[in-house]
Amino acid sequence: MSAWTSGDHDAIGSADGRAVVEDLVAEIANGLATAHEYVTCIRTEPTQRVIDFSWAARQAARRLGIRVDIDLTITRSSDARAAVRVTTVRAPG
């Protein structure tokens, strides 16, 4: 589980969001480069947070020159969180 589970993802979509997203892109890229996956929890409301996280995951993959799958599992709790797993996709052939 990532250090981002502490709630730092909550800043996505805020005035400081751009810096947070850049930090997130770097963290995801590091996880993908070392472990071929990145796992965390994010809030699902507002929906823009999920979109921003997905964008950051795709940007991290682009930086590494790879493709990724993003699995989002929404928990059934009152805090509207989702478990997210970003994994590398093997090149065909």
PDB file of N, CA and C in Angstrom:
ATOM      1  N   MET A   1       0.853  -1.182   0.000  1.00  0.00           N
ATOM      2  CA  MET A   1       0.000   0.000   0.000  1.00  0.00           C
ATOM      3  C   MET A   1       0.891   1.234   0.000  1.00  0.00           C
ATOM      4  N   SER A   2       0.475   2.230  -0.675  1.00  0.00           N
ATOM      5  CA  SER A   2       1.250   3.447  -0.864  1.00  0.00           C
ATOM      6  C   SER A   2       1.164   4.391   0.327  1.00  0.00           C
ATOM      7  N   ALA A   3       2.135   5.287   0.402  1.00  0.00           N
ATOM      8  CA  ALA A   3       2.094   6.342   1.414  1.00  0.00           C
ATOM      9  C   ALA A   3       0.935   7.293   1.165  1.00  0.00           C
ATOM     10  N   TRP A   4       0.404   7.288  -0.046  1.00  0.00           N
ATOM     11  CA  TRP A   4      -0.705   8.174  -0.394  1.00  0.00           C
ATOM     12  C   TRP A   4      -2.000   7.784   0.304  1.00  0.00           C
ATOM     13  N   THR A   5      -2.039   6.637   0.929  1.00  0.00           N
ATOM     14  CA  THR A   5      -3.259   6.203   1.604  1.00  0.00           C
ATOM     15  C   THR A   5      -3.579   7.072   2.806  1.00  0.00           C
ATOM     16  N   SER A   6      -2.644   7.912   3.209  1.00  0.00           N
ATOM     17  CA  SER A   6      -2.870   8.772   4.369  1.00  0.00           C
ATOM     18  C   SER A   6      -3.878   9.873   4.093  1.00  0.00           C
ATOM     19  N   GLY A   7      -4.321  10.000   2.838  1.00  0.00           N
ATOM     20  CA  GLY A   7      -5.297  11.023   2.520  1.00  0.00           C
ATOM     21  C   GLY A   7      -4.746  12.121   1.643  1.00  0.00           C
ATOM     22  N   ASP A   8      -3.465  12.035   1.273  1.00  0.00           N
ATOM     23  CA  ASP A   8      -2.861  13.059   0.437  1.00  0.00           C
ATOM     24  C   ASP A   8      -3.562  13.182  -0.915  1.00  0.00           C
ATOM     25  N   HIS A   9      -4.198  12.122  -1.372  1.00  0.00           N
ATOM     26  CA  HIS A   9      -4.930  12.195  -2.634  1.00  0.00           C
ATOM     27  C   HIS A   9      -6.092  13.177  -2.541  1.00  0.00           C
ATOM     28  N   ASP A  10      -6.494  13.506  -1.333  1.00  0.00           N
ATOM     29  CA  ASP A  10      -7.621  14.410  -1.157  1.00  0.00           C
ATOM     30  C   ASP A  10      -7.345  15.793  -1.736  1.00  0.00           C
ATOM     31  N   ALA A  11      -6.081  16.152  -1.898  1.00  0.00           N
ATOM     32  CA  ALA A  11      -5.729  17.466  -2.434  1.00  0.00           C
ATOM     33  C   ALA A  11      -5.913  17.538  -3.951  1.00  0.00           C
ATOM     34  N   ILE A  12      -6.068  16.381  -4.605  1.00  0.00           N
ATOM     35  CA  ILE A  12      -6.302  16.398  -6.044  1.00  0.00           C
ATOM     36  C   ILE A  12      -7.583  17.182  -6.307  1.00  0.00           C
ATOM     37  N   GLY A  13      -7.523  18.068  -7.254  1.00  0.00           N
ATOM     38  CA  GLY A  13      -8.683  18.894  -7.580  1.00  0.00           C
ATOM     39  C   GLY A  13      -8.721  20.200  -6.806  1.00  0.00           C
ATOM     40  N   SER A  14      -7.783  20.399  -5.882  1.00  0.00           N
ATOM     41  CA  SER A  14      -7.729  21.650  -5.108  1.00  0.00           C
ATOM     42  C   SER A  14      -6.776  22.626  -5.787  1.00  0.00           C
ATOM     43  N   ALA A  15      -6.572  23.774  -5.178  1.00  0.00           N
ATOM     44  CA  ALA A  15      -5.652  24.774  -5.729  1.00  0.00           C
ATOM     45  C   ALA A  15      -4.238  24.219  -5.815  1.00  0.00           C
ATOM     46  N   ASP A  16      -3.858  23.368  -4.883  1.00  0.00           N
ATOM     47  CA  ASP A  16      -2.537  22.746  -4.892  1.00  0.00           C
ATOM     48  C   ASP A  16      -2.545  21.449  -5.696  1.00  0.00           C
ATOM     49  N   GLY A  17      -3.628  21.164  -6.341  1.00  0.00           N
ATOM     50  CA  GLY A  17      -3.808  19.897  -7.032  1.00  0.00           C
ATOM     51  C   GLY A  17      -2.767  19.590  -8.075  1.00  0.00           C
ATOM     52  N   ARG A  18      -2.329  20.598  -8.838  1.00  0.00           N
ATOM     53  CA  ARG A  18      -1.358  20.333  -9.905  1.00  0.00           C
ATOM     54  C   ARG A  18      -0.054  19.778  -9.344  1.00  0.00           C
ATOM     55  N   ALA A  19       0.457  20.381  -8.272  1.00  0.00           N
ATOM     56  CA  ALA A  19       1.685  19.885  -7.652  1.00  0.00           C
ATOM     57  C   ALA A  19       1.465  18.493  -7.077  1.00  0.00           C
ATOM     58  N   VAL A  20       0.303  18.265  -6.477  1.00  0.00           N
ATOM     59  CA  VAL A  20      -0.014  16.961  -5.910  1.00  0.00           C
ATOM     60  C   VAL A  20      -0.074  15.913  -7.008  1.00  0.00           C
ATOM     61  N   VAL A  21      -0.692  16.249  -8.139  1.00  0.00           N
ATOM     62  CA  VAL A  21      -0.786  15.300  -9.247  1.00  0.00           C
ATOM     63  C   VAL A  21       0.604  15.000  -9.798  1.00  0.00           C
ATOM     64  N   GLU A  22       1.470  15.997  -9.919  1.00  0.00           N
ATOM     65  CA  GLU A  22       2.834  15.756 -10.396  1.00  0.00           C
ATOM     66  C   GLU A  22       3.586  14.830  -9.447  1.00  0.00           C
ATOM     67  N   ASP A  23       3.416  15.033  -8.143  1.00  0.00           N
ATOM     68  CA  ASP A  23       4.033  14.146  -7.155  1.00  0.00           C
ATOM     69  C   ASP A  23       3.466  12.735  -7.289  1.00  0.00           C
ATOM     70  N   LEU A  24       2.179  12.636  -7.522  1.00  0.00           N
ATOM     71  CA  LEU A  24       1.522  11.350  -7.681  1.00  0.00           C
ATOM     72  C   LEU A  24       2.027  10.637  -8.928  1.00  0.00           C
ATOM     73  N   VAL A  25       2.181  11.355 -10.025  1.00  0.00           N
ATOM     74  CA  VAL A  25       2.715  10.758 -11.256  1.00  0.00           C
ATOM     75  C   VAL A  25       4.090  10.152 -10.970  1.00  0.00           C
ATOM     76  N   ALA A  26       4.943  10.899 -10.274  1.00  0.00           N
ATOM     77  CA  ALA A  26       6.283  10.409  -9.947  1.00  0.00           C
ATOM     78  C   ALA A  26       6.216   9.180  -9.041  1.00  0.00           C
ATOM     79  N   GLU A  27       5.325   9.195  -8.064  1.00  0.00           N
ATOM     80  CA  GLU A  27       5.202   8.060  -7.150  1.00  0.00           C
ATOM     81  C   GLU A  27       4.695   6.823  -7.872  1.00  0.00           C
ATOM     82  N   ILE A  28       3.694   6.981  -8.732  1.00  0.00           N
ATOM     83  CA  ILE A  28       3.165   5.849  -9.491  1.00  0.00           C
ATOM     84  C   ILE A  28       4.255   5.303 -10.415  1.00  0.00           C
ATOM     85  N   ALA A  29       4.967   6.193 -11.105  1.00  0.00           N
ATOM     86  CA  ALA A  29       6.038   5.772 -12.011  1.00  0.00           C
ATOM     87  C   ALA A  29       7.094   4.972 -11.249  1.00  0.00           C
ATOM     88  N   ASN A  30       7.438   5.420 -10.046  1.00  0.00           N
ATOM     89  CA  ASN A  30       8.416   4.704  -9.234  1.00  0.00           C
ATOM     90  C   ASN A  30       7.916   3.306  -8.882  1.00  0.00           C
ATOM     91  N   GLY A  31       6.655   3.216  -8.470  1.00  0.00           N
ATOM     92  CA  GLY A  31       6.077   1.912  -8.138  1.00  0.00           C
ATOM     93  C   GLY A  31       6.039   0.977  -9.330  1.00  0.00           C
ATOM     94  N   LEU A  32       5.679   1.516 -10.488  1.00  0.00           N
ATOM     95  CA  LEU A  32       5.620   0.697 -11.701  1.00  0.00           C
ATOM     96  C   LEU A  32       7.014   0.251 -12.124  1.00  0.00           C
ATOM     97  N   ALA A  33       7.993   1.133 -11.986  1.00  0.00           N
ATOM     98  CA  ALA A  33       9.356   0.802 -12.401  1.00  0.00           C
ATOM     99  C   ALA A  33       9.988  -0.249 -11.489  1.00  0.00           C
ATOM    100  N   THR A  34       9.669  -0.210 -10.198  1.00  0.00           N
ATOM    101  CA  THR A  34      10.310  -1.133  -9.262  1.00  0.00           C
ATOM    102  C   THR A  34       9.510  -2.404  -9.005  1.00  0.00           C
ATOM    103  N   ALA A  35       8.197  -2.299  -8.908  1.00  0.00           N
ATOM    104  CA  ALA A  35       7.378  -3.461  -8.551  1.00  0.00           C
ATOM    105  C   ALA A  35       6.373  -3.855  -9.629  1.00  0.00           C
ATOM    106  N   HIS A  36       6.326  -3.114 -10.730  1.00  0.00           N
ATOM    107  CA  HIS A  36       5.382  -3.352 -11.831  1.00  0.00           C
ATOM    108  C   HIS A  36       3.924  -3.177 -11.406  1.00  0.00           C
ATOM    109  N   GLU A  37       3.718  -2.509 -10.259  1.00  0.00           N
ATOM    110  CA  GLU A  37       2.366  -2.198  -9.828  1.00  0.00           C
ATOM    111  C   GLU A  37       2.401  -1.056  -8.822  1.00  0.00           C
ATOM    112  N   TYR A  38       1.233  -0.426  -8.646  1.00  0.00           N
ATOM    113  CA  TYR A  38       1.055   0.639  -7.661  1.00  0.00           C
ATOM    114  C   TYR A  38      -0.330   0.438  -7.066  1.00  0.00           C
ATOM    115  N   VAL A  39      -0.413   0.343  -5.752  1.00  0.00           N
ATOM    116  CA  VAL A  39      -1.684   0.076  -5.080  1.00  0.00           C
ATOM    117  C   VAL A  39      -1.928   1.164  -4.032  1.00  0.00           C
ATOM    118  N   THR A  40      -3.153   1.680  -3.990  1.00  0.00           N
ATOM    119  CA  THR A  40      -3.509   2.705  -3.010  1.00  0.00           C
ATOM    120  C   THR A  40      -5.022   2.745  -2.831  1.00  0.00           C
ATOM    121  N   CYS A  41      -5.480   3.642  -1.975  1.00  0.00           N
ATOM    122  CA  CYS A  41      -6.904   3.946  -1.816  1.00  0.00           C
ATOM    123  C   CYS A  41      -7.114   5.419  -2.122  1.00  0.00           C
ATOM    124  N   ILE A  42      -8.214   5.728  -2.788  1.00  0.00           N
ATOM    125  CA  ILE A  42      -8.543   7.123  -3.080  1.00  0.00           C
ATOM    126  C   ILE A  42     -10.005   7.368  -2.745  1.00  0.00           C
ATOM    127  N   ARG A  43     -10.336   8.621  -2.505  1.00  0.00           N
ATOM    128  CA  ARG A  43     -11.745   9.001  -2.341  1.00  0.00           C
ATOM    129  C   ARG A  43     -12.376   9.063  -3.725  1.00  0.00           C
ATOM    130  N   THR A  44     -13.621   8.703  -3.818  1.00  0.00           N
ATOM    131  CA  THR A  44     -14.302   8.682  -5.119  1.00  0.00           C
ATOM    132  C   THR A  44     -15.187   9.903  -5.343  1.00  0.00           C
ATOM    133  N   GLU A  45     -15.267  10.768  -4.357  1.00  0.00           N
ATOM    134  CA  GLU A  45     -16.079  11.982  -4.505  1.00  0.00           C
ATOM    135  C   GLU A  45     -15.228  13.197  -4.196  1.00  0.00           C
ATOM    136  N   PRO A  46     -15.260  14.224  -4.992  1.00  0.00           N
ATOM    137  CA  PRO A  46     -15.993  14.300  -6.243  1.00  0.00           C
ATOM    138  C   PRO A  46     -15.361  13.384  -7.299  1.00  0.00           C
ATOM    139  N   THR A  47     -16.117  13.058  -8.303  1.00  0.00           N
ATOM    140  CA  THR A  47     -15.692  12.147  -9.358  1.00  0.00           C
ATOM    141  C   THR A  47     -14.401  12.611 -10.024  1.00  0.00           C
ATOM    142  N   GLN A  48     -14.149  13.896 -10.032  1.00  0.00           N
ATOM    143  CA  GLN A  48     -12.936  14.427 -10.654  1.00  0.00           C
ATOM    144  C   GLN A  48     -11.670  13.823 -10.038  1.00  0.00           C
ATOM    145  N   ARG A  49     -11.728  13.437  -8.772  1.00  0.00           N
ATOM    146  CA  ARG A  49     -10.563  12.811  -8.138  1.00  0.00           C
ATOM    147  C   ARG A  49     -10.202  11.501  -8.821  1.00  0.00           C
ATOM    148  N   VAL A  50     -11.205  10.722  -9.166  1.00  0.00           N
ATOM    149  CA  VAL A  50     -10.968   9.445  -9.847  1.00  0.00           C
ATOM    150  C   VAL A  50     -10.382   9.709 -11.230  1.00  0.00           C
ATOM    151  N   ILE A  51     -10.923  10.695 -11.918  1.00  0.00           N
ATOM    152  CA  ILE A  51     -10.427  11.058 -13.245  1.00  0.00           C
ATOM    153  C   ILE A  51      -8.984  11.533 -13.162  1.00  0.00           C
ATOM    154  N   ASP A  52      -8.676  12.382 -12.188  1.00  0.00           N
ATOM    155  CA  ASP A  52      -7.314  12.890 -12.021  1.00  0.00           C
ATOM    156  C   ASP A  52      -6.334  11.763 -11.681  1.00  0.00           C
ATOM    157  N   PHE A  53      -6.768  10.827 -10.845  1.00  0.00           N
ATOM    158  CA  PHE A  53      -5.901   9.702 -10.507  1.00  0.00           C
ATOM    159  C   PHE A  53      -5.618   8.857 -11.745  1.00  0.00           C
ATOM    160  N   SER A  54      -6.641   8.572 -12.520  1.00  0.00           N
ATOM    161  CA  SER A  54      -6.458   7.784 -13.741  1.00  0.00           C
ATOM    162  C   SER A  54      -5.517   8.490 -14.705  1.00  0.00           C
ATOM    163  N   TRP A  55      -5.677   9.802 -14.830  1.00  0.00           N
ATOM    164  CA  TRP A  55      -4.795  10.580 -15.699  1.00  0.00           C
ATOM    165  C   TRP A  55      -3.352  10.477 -15.203  1.00  0.00           C
ATOM    166  N   ALA A  56      -3.147  10.593 -13.891  1.00  0.00           N
ATOM    167  CA  ALA A  56      -1.805  10.507 -13.319  1.00  0.00           C
ATOM    168  C   ALA A  56      -1.183   9.135 -13.580  1.00  0.00           C
ATOM    169  N   ALA A  57      -1.979   8.083 -13.471  1.00  0.00           N
ATOM    170  CA  ALA A  57      -1.476   6.730 -13.735  1.00  0.00           C
ATOM    171  C   ALA A  57      -1.060   6.588 -15.198  1.00  0.00           C
ATOM    172  N   ARG A  58      -1.859   7.128 -16.098  1.00  0.00           N
ATOM    173  CA  ARG A  58      -1.519   7.056 -17.534  1.00  0.00           C
ATOM    174  C   ARG A  58      -0.295   7.917 -17.854  1.00  0.00           C
ATOM    175  N   GLN A  59      -0.165   9.069 -17.187  1.00  0.00           N
ATOM    176  CA  GLN A  59       1.025   9.905 -17.380  1.00  0.00           C
ATOM    177  C   GLN A  59       2.282   9.175 -16.893  1.00  0.00           C
ATOM    178  N   ALA A  60       2.178   8.490 -15.757  1.00  0.00           N
ATOM    179  CA  ALA A  60       3.315   7.734 -15.233  1.00  0.00           C
ATOM    180  C   ALA A  60       3.728   6.653 -16.230  1.00  0.00           C
ATOM    181  N   ALA A  61       2.759   5.968 -16.793  1.00  0.00           N
ATOM    182  CA  ALA A  61       3.056   4.936 -17.786  1.00  0.00           C
ATOM    183  C   ALA A  61       3.722   5.545 -19.013  1.00  0.00           C
ATOM    184  N   ARG A  62       3.208   6.675 -19.447  1.00  0.00           N
ATOM    185  CA  ARG A  62       3.773   7.357 -20.614  1.00  0.00           C
ATOM    186  C   ARG A  62       5.233   7.728 -20.365  1.00  0.00           C
ATOM    187  N   ARG A  63       5.539   8.198 -19.162  1.00  0.00           N
ATOM    188  CA  ARG A  63       6.928   8.549 -18.817  1.00  0.00           C
ATOM    189  C   ARG A  63       7.846   7.339 -18.905  1.00  0.00           C
ATOM    190  N   LEU A  64       7.301   6.171 -18.573  1.00  0.00           N
ATOM    191  CA  LEU A  64       8.102   4.947 -18.591  1.00  0.00           C
ATOM    192  C   LEU A  64       8.062   4.244 -19.945  1.00  0.00           C
ATOM    193  N   GLY A  65       7.206   4.713 -20.849  1.00  0.00           N
ATOM    194  CA  GLY A  65       7.077   4.084 -22.157  1.00  0.00           C
ATOM    195  C   GLY A  65       6.376   2.737 -22.107  1.00  0.00           C
ATOM    196  N   ILE A  66       5.416   2.603 -21.186  1.00  0.00           N
ATOM    197  CA  ILE A  66       4.679   1.348 -21.025  1.00  0.00           C
ATOM    198  C   ILE A  66       3.178   1.614 -21.061  1.00  0.00           C
ATOM    199  N   ARG A  67       2.405   0.541 -21.061  1.00  0.00           N
ATOM    200  CA  ARG A  67       0.946   0.641 -20.938  1.00  0.00           C
ATOM    201  C   ARG A  67       0.552   0.060 -19.591  1.00  0.00           C
ATOM    202  N   VAL A  68      -0.579   0.536 -19.063  1.00  0.00           N
ATOM    203  CA  VAL A  68      -1.044   0.061 -17.754  1.00  0.00           C
ATOM    204  C   VAL A  68      -2.523  -0.290 -17.785  1.00  0.00           C
ATOM    205  N   ASP A  69      -2.893  -1.149 -16.853  1.00  0.00           N
ATOM    206  CA  ASP A  69      -4.296  -1.415 -16.523  1.00  0.00           C
ATOM    207  C   ASP A  69      -4.567  -0.743 -15.197  1.00  0.00           C
ATOM    208  N   ILE A  70      -5.764  -0.171 -15.064  1.00  0.00           N
ATOM    209  CA  ILE A  70      -6.165   0.465 -13.808  1.00  0.00           C
ATOM    210  C   ILE A  70      -7.418  -0.235 -13.314  1.00  0.00           C
ATOM    211  N   ASP A  71      -7.316  -0.919 -12.166  1.00  0.00           N
ATOM    212  CA  ASP A  71      -8.453  -1.593 -11.550  1.00  0.00           C
ATOM    213  C   ASP A  71      -8.921  -0.766 -10.372  1.00  0.00           C
ATOM    214  N   LEU A  72     -10.195  -0.416 -10.369  1.00  0.00           N
ATOM    215  CA  LEU A  72     -10.793   0.398  -9.319  1.00  0.00           C
ATOM    216  C   LEU A  72     -11.880  -0.423  -8.648  1.00  0.00           C
ATOM    217  N   THR A  73     -11.755  -0.631  -7.340  1.00  0.00           N
ATOM    218  CA  THR A  73     -12.750  -1.390  -6.582  1.00  0.00           C
ATOM    219  C   THR A  73     -13.328  -0.471  -5.519  1.00  0.00           C
ATOM    220  N   ILE A  74     -14.579  -0.106  -5.688  1.00  0.00           N
ATOM    221  CA  ILE A  74     -15.229   0.803  -4.746  1.00  0.00           C
ATOM    222  C   ILE A  74     -15.670   0.022  -3.517  1.00  0.00           C
ATOM    223  N   THR A  75     -15.294   0.537  -2.338  1.00  0.00           N
ATOM    224  CA  THR A  75     -15.673  -0.118  -1.091  1.00  0.00           C
ATOM    225  C   THR A  75     -17.087   0.298  -0.705  1.00  0.00           C
ATOM    226  N   ARG A  76     -17.740  -0.546   0.025  1.00  0.00           N
ATOM    227  CA  ARG A  76     -19.096  -0.241   0.479  1.00  0.00           C
ATOM    228  C   ARG A  76     -19.029   0.343   1.887  1.00  0.00           C
ATOM    229  N   SER A  77     -18.568   1.572   1.933  1.00  0.00           N
ATOM    230  CA  SER A  77     -18.460   2.240   3.225  1.00  0.00           C
ATOM    231  C   SER A  77     -18.963   3.672   3.080  1.00  0.00           C
ATOM    232  N   SER A  78     -19.106   4.327   4.191  1.00  0.00           N
ATOM    233  CA  SER A  78     -19.659   5.678   4.184  1.00  0.00           C
ATOM    234  C   SER A  78     -18.652   6.732   3.733  1.00  0.00           C
ATOM    235  N   ASP A  79     -17.360   6.383   3.650  1.00  0.00           N
ATOM    236  CA  ASP A  79     -16.362   7.391   3.310  1.00  0.00           C
ATOM    237  C   ASP A  79     -16.041   7.452   1.816  1.00  0.00           C
ATOM    238  N   ALA A  80     -16.772   6.748   0.980  1.00  0.00           N
ATOM    239  CA  ALA A  80     -16.653   6.808  -0.483  1.00  0.00           C
ATOM    240  C   ALA A  80     -15.215   6.642  -0.950  1.00  0.00           C
ATOM    241  N   ARG A  81     -14.616   5.534  -0.596  1.00  0.00           N
ATOM    242  CA  ARG A  81     -13.243   5.245  -1.015  1.00  0.00           C
ATOM    243  C   ARG A  81     -13.227   4.087  -2.005  1.00  0.00           C
ATOM    244  N   ALA A  82     -12.127   4.031  -2.738  1.00  0.00           N
ATOM    245  CA  ALA A  82     -11.935   2.942  -3.683  1.00  0.00           C
ATOM    246  C   ALA A  82     -10.496   2.458  -3.593  1.00  0.00           C
ATOM    247  N   ALA A  83     -10.327   1.152  -3.677  1.00  0.00           N
ATOM    248  CA  ALA A  83      -8.989   0.575  -3.781  1.00  0.00           C
ATOM    249  C   ALA A  83      -8.617   0.624  -5.259  1.00  0.00           C
ATOM    250  N   VAL A  84      -7.384   1.052  -5.535  1.00  0.00           N
ATOM    251  CA  VAL A  84      -6.936   1.176  -6.913  1.00  0.00           C
ATOM    252  C   VAL A  84      -5.639   0.402  -7.077  1.00  0.00           C
ATOM    253  N   ARG A  85      -5.561  -0.362  -8.160  1.00  0.00           N
ATOM    254  CA  ARG A  85      -4.341  -1.109  -8.487  1.00  0.00           C
ATOM    255  C   ARG A  85      -3.972  -0.787  -9.925  1.00  0.00           C
ATOM    256  N   VAL A  86      -2.772  -0.248 -10.105  1.00  0.00           N
ATOM    257  CA  VAL A  86      -2.253   0.082 -11.425  1.00  0.00           C
ATOM    258  C   VAL A  86      -1.161  -0.940 -11.726  1.00  0.00           C
ATOM    259  N   THR A  87      -1.302  -1.675 -12.822  1.00  0.00           N
ATOM    260  CA  THR A  87      -0.324  -2.706 -13.177  1.00  0.00           C
ATOM    261  C   THR A  87       0.150  -2.518 -14.603  1.00  0.00           C
ATOM    262  N   THR A  88       1.385  -2.966 -14.850  1.00  0.00           N
ATOM    263  CA  THR A  88       1.932  -2.874 -16.204  1.00  0.00           C
ATOM    264  C   THR A  88       1.283  -3.918 -17.100  1.00  0.00           C
ATOM    265  N   VAL A  89       1.196  -3.593 -18.374  1.00  0.00           N
ATOM    266  CA  VAL A  89       0.652  -4.513 -19.374  1.00  0.00           C
ATOM    267  C   VAL A  89       1.814  -4.960 -20.242  1.00  0.00           C
ATOM    268  N   ARG A  90       1.937  -6.244 -20.419  1.00  0.00           N
ATOM    269  CA  ARG A  90       3.000  -6.771 -21.274  1.00  0.00           C
ATOM    270  C   ARG A  90       2.736  -6.404 -22.726  1.00  0.00           C
ATOM    271  N   ALA A  91       3.811  -6.089 -23.422  1.00  0.00           N
ATOM    272  CA  ALA A  91       3.698  -5.777 -24.841  1.00  0.00           C
ATOM    273  C   ALA A  91       3.324  -7.048 -25.610  1.00  0.00           C
ATOM    274  N   PRO A  92       2.452  -6.928 -26.610  1.00  0.00           N
ATOM    275  CA  PRO A  92       2.064  -8.107 -27.384  1.00  0.00           C
ATOM    276  C   PRO A  92       3.258  -8.669 -28.155  1.00  0.00           C
ATOM    277  N   GLY A  93       3.263  -9.983 -28.277  1.00  0.00           N
ATOM    278  CA  GLY A  93       4.292 -10.652 -29.085  1.00  0.00           C
ATOM    279  C   GLY A  93       5.421 -11.013 -28.310  1.00  0.00           C
TER     280      GLY A  93
END
